[in-house]
Amino acid sequence: MKETLQSFYTERITQFKNHRDSIKNQLRLSSTIRLLLFVAGAAGVYFLWSQWQVAVVIAVATFILFLFLVSRHENLKRKRDFQQALLDRNELELKMLDRKYYDRVDGSQFLKDDHEFSRDIDLLGPGSFFQYLNRSVTKDGVATLAAQFLSNDLTGISQKQEAIKELSEKIEFRHNYGGATATLLNNEKDLKGCLPGLKAMRPLYLHYFLGYLGYGLRFLSY
């Protein structure tokens, strides 16, 4: 079983490395294209400045294309980070198979002297079951897992077991979910602290800008 899992994770590591490196090449090409576009646009405006209407059209077109390339570059960076997160998770699983997990969060901060069983078994602390099992990528996730470990409530335990059994067969789903979370959030941040900022975000209505831009170009063409 261990050899099968090692082969599985090794193949996925190779796959994600190839995807990541491919996206890195696209990022380098994207940076080069943006530089060439900027130089070409600046040169066009400079040499055609006497024909100011043409120069303005070149400047606006260059600006729009540059914004598009910046947006595309950021999307590529997110894809690269996602592939890197998937790569990291599969490398982690290989380490866990070899029992090399003593550098991970061990949950010692959740030990309680007055708790019924937290110190009686290897539940938390160095070399604990928590340290081996934990795959959380946020501080809130770590705290939630520790709370489940310390809970003495048997309500819904059969449903939890069924959920664990179902998720144990969905490796790709688990890795994609964890990889996406690791990509979007800084592991050192408190998830609850991020929520106000996320709720305050407003979309950039680019289509409104392009609409006004169209009116401006019509005016310049008269």
N, C-alpha and C. Protein backbone atom coordinates (compact mmCIF):
# COMPACT_ATOMS: atom_id res chain seq x y z
N MET A 1 0.83 -1.21 0.00
CA MET A 1 0.00 0.00 0.00
C MET A 1 0.86 1.26 0.00
N LYS A 2 1.91 1.26 0.86
CA LYS A 2 2.78 2.43 0.94
C LYS A 2 3.47 2.68 -0.38
N GLU A 3 3.96 1.60 -1.04
CA GLU A 3 4.65 1.74 -2.31
C GLU A 3 3.71 2.30 -3.39
N THR A 4 2.43 1.86 -3.35
CA THR A 4 1.46 2.36 -4.31
C THR A 4 1.22 3.85 -4.14
N LEU A 5 1.08 4.29 -2.89
CA LEU A 5 0.88 5.71 -2.61
C LEU A 5 2.12 6.53 -2.98
N GLN A 6 3.29 5.98 -2.72
CA GLN A 6 4.51 6.69 -3.08
C GLN A 6 4.59 6.90 -4.59
N SER A 7 4.25 5.87 -5.35
CA SER A 7 4.24 6.00 -6.80
C SER A 7 3.20 7.02 -7.26
N PHE A 8 2.04 6.99 -6.63
CA PHE A 8 0.96 7.91 -6.96
C PHE A 8 1.39 9.36 -6.74
N TYR A 9 1.94 9.63 -5.56
CA TYR A 9 2.34 11.00 -5.25
C TYR A 9 3.54 11.44 -6.08
N THR A 10 4.46 10.53 -6.36
CA THR A 10 5.62 10.85 -7.18
C THR A 10 5.19 11.25 -8.59
N GLU A 11 4.24 10.53 -9.16
CA GLU A 11 3.73 10.87 -10.48
C GLU A 11 3.06 12.24 -10.48
N ARG A 12 2.30 12.51 -9.44
CA ARG A 12 1.63 13.81 -9.35
C ARG A 12 2.64 14.94 -9.16
N ILE A 13 3.70 14.69 -8.42
CA ILE A 13 4.74 15.71 -8.24
C ILE A 13 5.36 16.07 -9.59
N THR A 14 5.66 15.05 -10.39
CA THR A 14 6.22 15.29 -11.72
C THR A 14 5.24 16.09 -12.58
N GLN A 15 3.98 15.71 -12.51
CA GLN A 15 2.93 16.39 -13.28
C GLN A 15 2.83 17.87 -12.90
N PHE A 16 2.79 18.15 -11.61
CA PHE A 16 2.62 19.54 -11.17
C PHE A 16 3.88 20.36 -11.41
N LYS A 17 5.04 19.74 -11.33
CA LYS A 17 6.28 20.44 -11.65
C LYS A 17 6.28 20.87 -13.11
N ASN A 18 5.84 19.97 -14.00
CA ASN A 18 5.79 20.29 -15.42
C ASN A 18 4.81 21.42 -15.69
N HIS A 19 3.64 21.36 -15.06
CA HIS A 19 2.64 22.42 -15.23
C HIS A 19 3.16 23.75 -14.71
N ARG A 20 3.79 23.72 -13.55
CA ARG A 20 4.32 24.95 -12.96
C ARG A 20 5.39 25.56 -13.85
N ASP A 21 6.31 24.73 -14.34
CA ASP A 21 7.38 25.23 -15.19
C ASP A 21 6.85 25.78 -16.50
N SER A 22 5.81 25.15 -17.04
CA SER A 22 5.19 25.65 -18.27
C SER A 22 4.60 27.03 -18.05
N ILE A 23 3.94 27.22 -16.92
CA ILE A 23 3.35 28.52 -16.62
C ILE A 23 4.44 29.55 -16.36
N LYS A 24 5.55 29.15 -15.76
CA LYS A 24 6.67 30.07 -15.57
C LYS A 24 7.19 30.58 -16.90
N ASN A 25 7.26 29.69 -17.88
CA ASN A 25 7.70 30.12 -19.22
C ASN A 25 6.71 31.11 -19.82
N GLN A 26 5.41 30.85 -19.62
CA GLN A 26 4.40 31.79 -20.11
C GLN A 26 4.51 33.14 -19.42
N LEU A 27 4.86 33.13 -18.14
CA LEU A 27 5.04 34.39 -17.41
C LEU A 27 6.22 35.19 -17.96
N ARG A 28 7.31 34.50 -18.27
CA ARG A 28 8.46 35.20 -18.85
C ARG A 28 8.11 35.81 -20.20
N LEU A 29 7.38 35.04 -21.01
CA LEU A 29 6.95 35.55 -22.31
C LEU A 29 6.00 36.72 -22.14
N SER A 30 5.10 36.63 -21.17
CA SER A 30 4.15 37.71 -20.91
C SER A 30 4.88 38.99 -20.52
N SER A 31 5.91 38.89 -19.69
CA SER A 31 6.67 40.07 -19.29
C SER A 31 7.37 40.71 -20.49
N THR A 32 7.89 39.86 -21.36
CA THR A 32 8.57 40.37 -22.56
C THR A 32 7.59 41.09 -23.48
N ILE A 33 6.42 40.51 -23.68
CA ILE A 33 5.41 41.11 -24.55
C ILE A 33 4.96 42.45 -23.99
N ARG A 34 4.76 42.54 -22.67
CA ARG A 34 4.35 43.80 -22.07
C ARG A 34 5.41 44.88 -22.29
N LEU A 35 6.68 44.51 -22.14
CA LEU A 35 7.76 45.48 -22.35
C LEU A 35 7.79 45.96 -23.80
N LEU A 36 7.66 45.02 -24.74
CA LEU A 36 7.68 45.38 -26.16
C LEU A 36 6.48 46.26 -26.51
N LEU A 37 5.32 45.94 -25.93
CA LEU A 37 4.13 46.76 -26.18
C LEU A 37 4.34 48.18 -25.68
N PHE A 38 4.89 48.31 -24.49
CA PHE A 38 5.12 49.64 -23.92
C PHE A 38 6.09 50.44 -24.79
N VAL A 39 7.18 49.80 -25.21
CA VAL A 39 8.17 50.49 -26.04
C VAL A 39 7.56 50.89 -27.38
N ALA A 40 6.79 49.95 -28.00
CA ALA A 40 6.17 50.24 -29.29
C ALA A 40 5.16 51.38 -29.15
N GLY A 41 4.35 51.34 -28.09
CA GLY A 41 3.36 52.39 -27.88
C GLY A 41 4.01 53.74 -27.65
N ALA A 42 5.06 53.77 -26.82
CA ALA A 42 5.76 55.03 -26.55
C ALA A 42 6.40 55.57 -27.82
N ALA A 43 6.98 54.67 -28.61
CA ALA A 43 7.61 55.11 -29.86
C ALA A 43 6.56 55.65 -30.83
N GLY A 44 5.42 54.97 -30.92
CA GLY A 44 4.35 55.44 -31.81
C GLY A 44 3.86 56.82 -31.43
N VAL A 45 3.64 57.05 -30.13
CA VAL A 45 3.19 58.36 -29.67
C VAL A 45 4.24 59.42 -29.95
N TYR A 46 5.51 59.07 -29.72
CA TYR A 46 6.60 60.03 -29.91
C TYR A 46 6.72 60.46 -31.37
N PHE A 47 6.75 59.49 -32.27
CA PHE A 47 6.99 59.81 -33.69
C PHE A 47 5.76 60.36 -34.39
N LEU A 48 4.58 60.13 -33.84
CA LEU A 48 3.36 60.61 -34.47
C LEU A 48 2.70 61.72 -33.66
N TRP A 49 3.48 62.37 -32.80
CA TRP A 49 2.91 63.39 -31.95
C TRP A 49 2.33 64.56 -32.75
N SER A 50 2.89 64.82 -33.93
CA SER A 50 2.37 65.91 -34.76
C SER A 50 0.94 65.61 -35.22
N GLN A 51 0.60 64.34 -35.36
CA GLN A 51 -0.77 63.93 -35.67
C GLN A 51 -1.42 63.49 -34.35
N TRP A 52 -1.84 64.45 -33.57
CA TRP A 52 -2.20 64.18 -32.18
C TRP A 52 -3.36 63.20 -32.04
N GLN A 53 -4.29 63.22 -33.01
CA GLN A 53 -5.41 62.30 -32.90
C GLN A 53 -4.95 60.84 -33.01
N VAL A 54 -4.04 60.60 -33.97
CA VAL A 54 -3.49 59.26 -34.13
C VAL A 54 -2.67 58.87 -32.90
N ALA A 55 -1.92 59.83 -32.38
CA ALA A 55 -1.09 59.56 -31.20
C ALA A 55 -1.95 59.20 -29.99
N VAL A 56 -3.09 59.90 -29.85
CA VAL A 56 -3.98 59.60 -28.73
C VAL A 56 -4.58 58.21 -28.87
N VAL A 57 -4.99 57.85 -30.10
CA VAL A 57 -5.55 56.52 -30.34
C VAL A 57 -4.52 55.44 -30.00
N ILE A 58 -3.26 55.68 -30.42
CA ILE A 58 -2.19 54.71 -30.13
C ILE A 58 -1.99 54.60 -28.62
N ALA A 59 -1.99 55.74 -27.94
CA ALA A 59 -1.79 55.73 -26.49
C ALA A 59 -2.91 54.98 -25.77
N VAL A 60 -4.15 55.26 -26.18
CA VAL A 60 -5.29 54.60 -25.53
C VAL A 60 -5.28 53.10 -25.82
N ALA A 61 -5.01 52.74 -27.09
CA ALA A 61 -4.98 51.32 -27.45
C ALA A 61 -3.86 50.60 -26.70
N THR A 62 -2.72 51.25 -26.59
CA THR A 62 -1.60 50.66 -25.84
C THR A 62 -1.97 50.47 -24.38
N PHE A 63 -2.66 51.47 -23.82
CA PHE A 63 -3.07 51.40 -22.42
C PHE A 63 -4.04 50.24 -22.18
N ILE A 64 -5.01 50.09 -23.07
CA ILE A 64 -5.99 49.01 -22.93
C ILE A 64 -5.32 47.65 -23.06
N LEU A 65 -4.49 47.50 -24.08
CA LEU A 65 -3.78 46.23 -24.26
C LEU A 65 -2.86 45.93 -23.08
N PHE A 66 -2.25 46.98 -22.54
CA PHE A 66 -1.36 46.79 -21.40
C PHE A 66 -2.15 46.31 -20.18
N LEU A 67 -3.33 46.91 -19.96
CA LEU A 67 -4.18 46.46 -18.86
C LEU A 67 -4.58 45.00 -19.05
N PHE A 68 -4.93 44.64 -20.27
CA PHE A 68 -5.30 43.26 -20.56
C PHE A 68 -4.14 42.31 -20.25
N LEU A 69 -2.94 42.69 -20.67
CA LEU A 69 -1.77 41.84 -20.45
C LEU A 69 -1.43 41.75 -18.96
N VAL A 70 -1.63 42.84 -18.23
CA VAL A 70 -1.40 42.81 -16.77
C VAL A 70 -2.37 41.85 -16.11
N SER A 71 -3.65 41.93 -16.51
CA SER A 71 -4.67 41.04 -15.95
C SER A 71 -4.33 39.58 -16.28
N ARG A 72 -3.95 39.33 -17.51
CA ARG A 72 -3.58 37.97 -17.92
C ARG A 72 -2.35 37.49 -17.15
N HIS A 73 -1.41 38.38 -16.92
CA HIS A 73 -0.20 38.02 -16.17
C HIS A 73 -0.54 37.63 -14.74
N GLU A 74 -1.46 38.38 -14.13
CA GLU A 74 -1.88 38.07 -12.76
C GLU A 74 -2.60 36.72 -12.70
N ASN A 75 -3.41 36.43 -13.72
CA ASN A 75 -4.08 35.13 -13.77
C ASN A 75 -3.06 34.00 -13.88
N LEU A 76 -2.03 34.21 -14.69
CA LEU A 76 -0.98 33.20 -14.83
C LEU A 76 -0.24 33.01 -13.50
N LYS A 77 -0.02 34.09 -12.79
CA LYS A 77 0.65 33.98 -11.49
C LYS A 77 -0.18 33.17 -10.50
N ARG A 78 -1.50 33.39 -10.54
CA ARG A 78 -2.37 32.61 -9.66
C ARG A 78 -2.35 31.13 -10.04
N LYS A 79 -2.33 30.85 -11.35
CA LYS A 79 -2.26 29.46 -11.79
C LYS A 79 -0.94 28.83 -11.39
N ARG A 80 0.15 29.60 -11.50
CA ARG A 80 1.46 29.08 -11.08
C ARG A 80 1.47 28.79 -9.58
N ASP A 81 0.92 29.71 -8.80
CA ASP A 81 0.87 29.51 -7.34
C ASP A 81 0.02 28.31 -6.97
N PHE A 82 -1.06 28.11 -7.72
CA PHE A 82 -1.93 26.96 -7.46
C PHE A 82 -1.20 25.65 -7.74
N GLN A 83 -0.47 25.61 -8.87
CA GLN A 83 0.30 24.41 -9.19
C GLN A 83 1.39 24.18 -8.15
N GLN A 84 2.00 25.26 -7.66
CA GLN A 84 3.03 25.13 -6.63
C GLN A 84 2.42 24.60 -5.34
N ALA A 85 1.21 25.08 -5.01
CA ALA A 85 0.53 24.60 -3.79
C ALA A 85 0.21 23.11 -3.91
N LEU A 86 -0.23 22.67 -5.08
CA LEU A 86 -0.50 21.24 -5.29
C LEU A 86 0.78 20.43 -5.21
N LEU A 87 1.84 20.97 -5.77
CA LEU A 87 3.15 20.31 -5.68
C LEU A 87 3.59 20.16 -4.24
N ASP A 88 3.44 21.23 -3.46
CA ASP A 88 3.84 21.21 -2.05
C ASP A 88 3.04 20.16 -1.28
N ARG A 89 1.74 20.07 -1.56
CA ARG A 89 0.90 19.12 -0.83
C ARG A 89 1.28 17.68 -1.14
N ASN A 90 1.62 17.40 -2.37
CA ASN A 90 2.02 16.04 -2.72
C ASN A 90 3.40 15.70 -2.17
N GLU A 91 4.28 16.67 -2.15
CA GLU A 91 5.59 16.44 -1.51
C GLU A 91 5.41 16.21 -0.01
N LEU A 92 4.45 16.93 0.58
CA LEU A 92 4.16 16.72 1.99
C LEU A 92 3.66 15.30 2.25
N GLU A 93 2.80 14.81 1.38
CA GLU A 93 2.27 13.46 1.57
C GLU A 93 3.38 12.41 1.50
N LEU A 94 4.36 12.63 0.63
CA LEU A 94 5.50 11.71 0.57
C LEU A 94 6.27 11.74 1.89
N LYS A 95 6.46 12.93 2.44
CA LYS A 95 7.15 13.05 3.73
C LYS A 95 6.37 12.34 4.83
N MET A 96 5.05 12.50 4.79
CA MET A 96 4.23 11.87 5.83
C MET A 96 4.31 10.36 5.76
N LEU A 97 4.39 9.82 4.54
CA LEU A 97 4.51 8.37 4.39
C LEU A 97 5.80 7.86 5.03
N ASP A 98 6.84 8.70 4.99
CA ASP A 98 8.13 8.34 5.59
C ASP A 98 8.24 8.78 7.05
N ARG A 99 7.12 9.23 7.62
CA ARG A 99 7.06 9.67 9.02
C ARG A 99 7.97 10.87 9.28
N LYS A 100 8.13 11.72 8.28
CA LYS A 100 8.95 12.93 8.45
C LYS A 100 8.02 14.13 8.63
N TYR A 101 7.43 14.21 9.80
CA TYR A 101 6.45 15.27 10.02
C TYR A 101 6.70 16.03 11.32
N TYR A 102 7.87 15.87 11.91
CA TYR A 102 8.13 16.46 13.23
C TYR A 102 8.40 17.97 13.16
N ASP A 103 8.49 18.51 11.95
CA ASP A 103 8.67 19.96 11.81
C ASP A 103 7.33 20.68 11.62
N ARG A 104 6.23 19.95 11.65
CA ARG A 104 4.92 20.54 11.43
C ARG A 104 4.28 20.98 12.74
N VAL A 105 3.21 21.77 12.61
CA VAL A 105 2.48 22.24 13.79
C VAL A 105 2.01 21.03 14.59
N ASP A 106 2.30 21.00 15.89
CA ASP A 106 1.97 19.83 16.69
C ASP A 106 0.78 20.03 17.64
N GLY A 107 0.24 21.26 17.68
CA GLY A 107 -0.94 21.51 18.50
C GLY A 107 -0.65 21.66 19.98
N SER A 108 0.61 21.84 20.35
CA SER A 108 0.95 21.97 21.78
C SER A 108 0.23 23.15 22.43
N GLN A 109 -0.04 24.18 21.64
CA GLN A 109 -0.69 25.37 22.21
C GLN A 109 -2.13 25.09 22.66
N PHE A 110 -2.67 23.96 22.24
CA PHE A 110 -4.05 23.63 22.62
C PHE A 110 -4.13 22.67 23.81
N LEU A 111 -2.99 22.25 24.34
CA LEU A 111 -2.99 21.38 25.51
C LEU A 111 -3.55 22.12 26.73
N LYS A 112 -4.38 21.44 27.50
CA LYS A 112 -5.02 22.04 28.68
C LYS A 112 -4.79 21.14 29.89
N ASP A 113 -4.30 21.72 30.94
CA ASP A 113 -4.04 20.94 32.15
C ASP A 113 -5.31 20.39 32.78
N ASP A 114 -6.40 21.12 32.64
CA ASP A 114 -7.64 20.70 33.28
C ASP A 114 -8.55 19.90 32.35
N HIS A 115 -8.02 19.51 31.19
CA HIS A 115 -8.82 18.72 30.25
C HIS A 115 -8.79 17.25 30.63
N GLU A 116 -9.89 16.55 30.33
CA GLU A 116 -10.02 15.16 30.78
C GLU A 116 -8.96 14.23 30.20
N PHE A 117 -8.59 14.43 28.93
CA PHE A 117 -7.71 13.45 28.31
C PHE A 117 -6.64 14.04 27.38
N SER A 118 -6.54 15.35 27.28
CA SER A 118 -5.62 15.94 26.29
C SER A 118 -4.16 15.57 26.54
N ARG A 119 -3.80 15.32 27.82
CA ARG A 119 -2.40 14.99 28.13
C ARG A 119 -2.21 13.50 28.42
N ASP A 120 -3.27 12.74 28.38
CA ASP A 120 -3.15 11.32 28.72
C ASP A 120 -2.72 10.46 27.54
N ILE A 121 -3.01 10.90 26.34
CA ILE A 121 -2.66 10.14 25.13
C ILE A 121 -1.90 11.06 24.18
N ASP A 122 -1.31 10.48 23.15
CA ASP A 122 -0.54 11.27 22.18
C ASP A 122 -1.48 11.95 21.19
N LEU A 123 -2.34 12.79 21.72
CA LEU A 123 -3.33 13.47 20.90
C LEU A 123 -2.78 14.77 20.33
N LEU A 124 -2.09 15.52 21.20
CA LEU A 124 -1.48 16.79 20.83
C LEU A 124 -0.02 16.80 21.29
N GLY A 125 0.76 17.64 20.65
CA GLY A 125 2.17 17.74 21.03
C GLY A 125 3.09 17.08 20.02
N PRO A 126 4.40 17.14 20.26
CA PRO A 126 5.38 16.55 19.33
C PRO A 126 5.14 15.06 19.12
N GLY A 127 5.14 14.64 17.86
CA GLY A 127 4.93 13.23 17.52
C GLY A 127 3.51 12.75 17.73
N SER A 128 2.57 13.66 17.87
CA SER A 128 1.19 13.30 18.18
C SER A 128 0.40 12.94 16.92
N PHE A 129 -0.79 12.42 17.17
CA PHE A 129 -1.70 12.11 16.07
C PHE A 129 -2.13 13.39 15.37
N PHE A 130 -2.28 14.46 16.13
CA PHE A 130 -2.64 15.75 15.54
C PHE A 130 -1.57 16.19 14.54
N GLN A 131 -0.32 16.07 14.92
CA GLN A 131 0.78 16.49 14.06
C GLN A 131 0.82 15.66 12.78
N TYR A 132 0.46 14.40 12.88
CA TYR A 132 0.46 13.53 11.71
C TYR A 132 -0.75 13.79 10.81
N LEU A 133 -1.89 14.06 11.42
CA LEU A 133 -3.13 14.18 10.65
C LEU A 133 -3.34 15.56 10.06
N ASN A 134 -2.91 16.59 10.74
CA ASN A 134 -3.24 17.96 10.36
C ASN A 134 -2.76 18.32 8.96
N ARG A 135 -3.70 18.80 8.13
CA ARG A 135 -3.37 19.32 6.80
C ARG A 135 -3.94 20.72 6.62
N SER A 136 -4.34 21.34 7.70
CA SER A 136 -4.95 22.67 7.62
C SER A 136 -3.95 23.69 7.10
N VAL A 137 -4.45 24.62 6.30
CA VAL A 137 -3.59 25.66 5.74
C VAL A 137 -3.89 27.04 6.33
N THR A 138 -4.82 27.11 7.27
CA THR A 138 -5.11 28.37 7.96
C THR A 138 -5.06 28.14 9.47
N LYS A 139 -4.84 29.21 10.21
CA LYS A 139 -4.80 29.12 11.67
C LYS A 139 -6.17 28.72 12.22
N ASP A 140 -7.23 29.20 11.55
CA ASP A 140 -8.57 28.82 11.99
C ASP A 140 -8.82 27.34 11.78
N GLY A 141 -8.29 26.80 10.67
CA GLY A 141 -8.44 25.38 10.41
C GLY A 141 -7.74 24.53 11.45
N VAL A 142 -6.53 24.96 11.83
CA VAL A 142 -5.79 24.26 12.88
C VAL A 142 -6.56 24.28 14.19
N ALA A 143 -7.10 25.45 14.55
CA ALA A 143 -7.86 25.57 15.80
C ALA A 143 -9.13 24.72 15.77
N THR A 144 -9.80 24.68 14.61
CA THR A 144 -11.02 23.88 14.49
C THR A 144 -10.72 22.39 14.64
N LEU A 145 -9.63 21.94 14.03
CA LEU A 145 -9.25 20.53 14.14
C LEU A 145 -8.91 20.18 15.59
N ALA A 146 -8.17 21.06 16.25
CA ALA A 146 -7.82 20.82 17.66
C ALA A 146 -9.08 20.76 18.52
N ALA A 147 -10.05 21.63 18.23
CA ALA A 147 -11.30 21.62 19.00
C ALA A 147 -12.05 20.31 18.82
N GLN A 148 -12.00 19.76 17.60
CA GLN A 148 -12.63 18.46 17.36
C GLN A 148 -11.92 17.37 18.14
N PHE A 149 -10.61 17.44 18.21
CA PHE A 149 -9.84 16.44 18.96
C PHE A 149 -10.17 16.49 20.45
N LEU A 150 -10.38 17.68 20.96
CA LEU A 150 -10.61 17.86 22.39
C LEU A 150 -12.08 17.73 22.78
N SER A 151 -12.93 17.61 21.78
CA SER A 151 -14.36 17.51 22.08
C SER A 151 -14.69 16.14 22.66
N ASN A 152 -15.56 16.13 23.64
CA ASN A 152 -15.99 14.88 24.26
C ASN A 152 -17.46 14.59 23.91
N ASP A 153 -17.91 15.23 22.81
CA ASP A 153 -19.30 15.12 22.38
C ASP A 153 -19.40 14.03 21.32
N LEU A 154 -20.22 13.02 21.55
CA LEU A 154 -20.37 11.91 20.61
C LEU A 154 -21.50 12.13 19.62
N THR A 155 -22.13 13.29 19.68
CA THR A 155 -23.24 13.58 18.77
C THR A 155 -22.75 13.60 17.32
N GLY A 156 -23.45 12.86 16.46
CA GLY A 156 -23.13 12.86 15.04
C GLY A 156 -21.83 12.18 14.68
N ILE A 157 -21.32 11.33 15.59
CA ILE A 157 -20.02 10.71 15.33
C ILE A 157 -20.06 9.76 14.13
N SER A 158 -21.18 9.09 13.92
CA SER A 158 -21.28 8.18 12.78
C SER A 158 -21.27 8.95 11.46
N GLN A 159 -21.93 10.13 11.45
CA GLN A 159 -21.91 10.95 10.25
C GLN A 159 -20.51 11.47 9.96
N LYS A 160 -19.79 11.82 11.02
CA LYS A 160 -18.41 12.28 10.83
C LYS A 160 -17.53 11.17 10.27
N GLN A 161 -17.75 9.96 10.75
CA GLN A 161 -16.98 8.83 10.24
C GLN A 161 -17.28 8.58 8.77
N GLU A 162 -18.55 8.71 8.40
CA GLU A 162 -18.92 8.54 7.00
C GLU A 162 -18.29 9.62 6.12
N ALA A 163 -18.28 10.85 6.64
CA ALA A 163 -17.67 11.95 5.89
C ALA A 163 -16.18 11.72 5.69
N ILE A 164 -15.50 11.26 6.74
CA ILE A 164 -14.07 10.97 6.64
C ILE A 164 -13.82 9.86 5.64
N LYS A 165 -14.67 8.83 5.67
CA LYS A 165 -14.52 7.72 4.73
C LYS A 165 -14.69 8.20 3.29
N GLU A 166 -15.68 9.07 3.08
CA GLU A 166 -15.92 9.58 1.73
C GLU A 166 -14.76 10.43 1.24
N LEU A 167 -14.27 11.33 2.10
CA LEU A 167 -13.18 12.22 1.71
C LEU A 167 -11.87 11.47 1.52
N SER A 168 -11.70 10.36 2.23
CA SER A 168 -10.46 9.59 2.11
C SER A 168 -10.27 9.05 0.69
N GLU A 169 -11.36 8.91 -0.04
CA GLU A 169 -11.30 8.39 -1.41
C GLU A 169 -11.21 9.50 -2.46
N LYS A 170 -11.21 10.74 -2.01
CA LYS A 170 -11.21 11.88 -2.94
C LYS A 170 -9.94 12.70 -2.74
N ILE A 171 -8.82 12.09 -3.11
CA ILE A 171 -7.52 12.74 -2.91
C ILE A 171 -7.43 14.02 -3.74
N GLU A 172 -7.84 13.92 -5.00
CA GLU A 172 -7.70 15.09 -5.88
C GLU A 172 -8.56 16.25 -5.38
N PHE A 173 -9.78 15.94 -4.92
CA PHE A 173 -10.64 16.99 -4.38
C PHE A 173 -9.99 17.65 -3.16
N ARG A 174 -9.46 16.83 -2.25
CA ARG A 174 -8.85 17.37 -1.05
C ARG A 174 -7.65 18.26 -1.39
N HIS A 175 -6.83 17.80 -2.31
CA HIS A 175 -5.64 18.57 -2.67
C HIS A 175 -6.01 19.86 -3.39
N ASN A 176 -7.00 19.79 -4.28
CA ASN A 176 -7.43 20.99 -4.99
C ASN A 176 -8.01 22.02 -4.01
N TYR A 177 -8.79 21.53 -3.06
CA TYR A 177 -9.39 22.42 -2.07
C TYR A 177 -8.30 23.07 -1.21
N GLY A 178 -7.40 22.25 -0.70
CA GLY A 178 -6.31 22.79 0.12
C GLY A 178 -5.39 23.69 -0.67
N GLY A 179 -5.11 23.32 -1.94
CA GLY A 179 -4.24 24.13 -2.78
C GLY A 179 -4.85 25.49 -3.07
N ALA A 180 -6.15 25.51 -3.35
CA ALA A 180 -6.84 26.77 -3.62
C ALA A 180 -6.83 27.67 -2.38
N THR A 181 -7.05 27.06 -1.22
CA THR A 181 -7.05 27.82 0.03
C THR A 181 -5.67 28.39 0.32
N ALA A 182 -4.64 27.57 0.12
CA ALA A 182 -3.28 28.03 0.37
C ALA A 182 -2.89 29.14 -0.60
N THR A 183 -3.43 29.10 -1.82
CA THR A 183 -3.12 30.12 -2.81
C THR A 183 -3.78 31.45 -2.47
N LEU A 184 -5.01 31.40 -1.98
CA LEU A 184 -5.78 32.61 -1.73
C LEU A 184 -5.45 33.27 -0.42
N LEU A 185 -5.04 32.49 0.57
CA LEU A 185 -4.85 33.03 1.91
C LEU A 185 -3.41 32.91 2.36
N ASN A 186 -3.00 33.88 3.12
CA ASN A 186 -1.69 33.81 3.79
C ASN A 186 -1.85 32.93 5.02
N ASN A 187 -1.04 31.89 5.12
CA ASN A 187 -1.20 30.93 6.22
C ASN A 187 -1.05 31.57 7.60
N GLU A 188 -0.35 32.69 7.67
CA GLU A 188 -0.12 33.31 8.96
C GLU A 188 -1.28 34.19 9.41
N LYS A 189 -2.22 34.41 8.49
CA LYS A 189 -3.34 35.29 8.83
C LYS A 189 -4.47 34.52 9.49
N ASP A 190 -5.20 35.24 10.31
CA ASP A 190 -6.40 34.71 10.92
C ASP A 190 -7.52 34.86 9.90
N LEU A 191 -8.17 33.74 9.55
CA LEU A 191 -9.20 33.77 8.53
C LEU A 191 -10.31 34.75 8.88
N LYS A 192 -10.69 34.81 10.16
CA LYS A 192 -11.75 35.72 10.58
C LYS A 192 -11.33 37.17 10.35
N GLY A 193 -10.03 37.44 10.49
CA GLY A 193 -9.55 38.80 10.26
C GLY A 193 -9.59 39.19 8.80
N CYS A 194 -9.59 38.20 7.90
CA CYS A 194 -9.64 38.50 6.47
C CYS A 194 -11.05 38.80 5.99
N LEU A 195 -12.06 38.30 6.69
CA LEU A 195 -13.43 38.41 6.20
C LEU A 195 -13.91 39.84 6.03
N PRO A 196 -13.65 40.78 6.98
CA PRO A 196 -14.10 42.15 6.75
C PRO A 196 -13.54 42.75 5.47
N GLY A 197 -12.25 42.48 5.19
CA GLY A 197 -11.66 43.00 3.97
C GLY A 197 -12.26 42.40 2.73
N LEU A 198 -12.55 41.09 2.78
CA LEU A 198 -13.16 40.43 1.63
C LEU A 198 -14.56 40.97 1.38
N LYS A 199 -15.32 41.20 2.45
CA LYS A 199 -16.67 41.72 2.30
C LYS A 199 -16.67 43.14 1.77
N ALA A 200 -15.60 43.89 2.08
CA ALA A 200 -15.53 45.29 1.65
C ALA A 200 -15.08 45.45 0.21
N MET A 201 -14.62 44.38 -0.41
CA MET A 201 -14.14 44.46 -1.78
C MET A 201 -15.28 44.79 -2.73
N ARG A 202 -14.99 45.59 -3.75
CA ARG A 202 -15.97 45.94 -4.76
C ARG A 202 -15.39 45.60 -6.13
N PRO A 203 -16.22 45.12 -7.07
CA PRO A 203 -15.72 44.76 -8.38
C PRO A 203 -15.31 45.98 -9.18
N LEU A 204 -14.38 45.78 -10.09
CA LEU A 204 -13.95 46.84 -11.00
C LEU A 204 -14.82 46.75 -12.25
N TYR A 205 -15.65 47.75 -12.45
CA TYR A 205 -16.57 47.70 -13.57
C TYR A 205 -15.87 48.20 -14.83
N LEU A 206 -15.09 47.34 -15.43
CA LEU A 206 -14.29 47.71 -16.59
C LEU A 206 -15.17 48.06 -17.78
N HIS A 207 -16.35 47.40 -17.88
CA HIS A 207 -17.18 47.67 -19.05
C HIS A 207 -17.69 49.12 -19.05
N TYR A 208 -17.88 49.71 -17.84
CA TYR A 208 -18.27 51.12 -17.79
C TYR A 208 -17.15 52.00 -18.35
N PHE A 209 -15.93 51.67 -17.94
CA PHE A 209 -14.78 52.42 -18.42
C PHE A 209 -14.66 52.33 -19.94
N LEU A 210 -14.84 51.13 -20.49
CA LEU A 210 -14.73 50.96 -21.93
C LEU A 210 -15.85 51.70 -22.66
N GLY A 211 -17.03 51.76 -22.04
CA GLY A 211 -18.13 52.50 -22.66
C GLY A 211 -17.79 53.97 -22.80
N TYR A 212 -17.30 54.58 -21.71
CA TYR A 212 -16.90 55.99 -21.77
C TYR A 212 -15.74 56.20 -22.74
N LEU A 213 -14.86 55.21 -22.80
CA LEU A 213 -13.73 55.30 -23.71
C LEU A 213 -14.21 55.34 -25.16
N GLY A 214 -15.24 54.54 -25.46
CA GLY A 214 -15.79 54.55 -26.82
C GLY A 214 -16.31 55.91 -27.21
N TYR A 215 -17.02 56.58 -26.28
CA TYR A 215 -17.51 57.93 -26.57
C TYR A 215 -16.35 58.89 -26.81
N GLY A 216 -15.29 58.72 -26.03
CA GLY A 216 -14.13 59.59 -26.20
C GLY A 216 -13.47 59.41 -27.55
N LEU A 217 -13.36 58.17 -28.02
CA LEU A 217 -12.75 57.92 -29.32
C LEU A 217 -13.61 58.48 -30.45
N ARG A 218 -14.92 58.40 -30.30
CA ARG A 218 -15.79 58.99 -31.33
C ARG A 218 -15.58 60.51 -31.40
N PHE A 219 -15.44 61.12 -30.22
CA PHE A 219 -15.22 62.57 -30.19
C PHE A 219 -13.92 62.93 -30.89
N LEU A 220 -12.88 62.14 -30.64
CA LEU A 220 -11.57 62.43 -31.22
C LEU A 220 -11.57 62.23 -32.73
N SER A 221 -12.46 61.39 -33.22
CA SER A 221 -12.48 61.10 -34.65
C SER A 221 -13.15 62.20 -35.47
N TYR A 222 -13.84 63.14 -34.82
CA TYR A 222 -14.51 64.22 -35.56
C TYR A 222 -13.49 65.23 -36.05
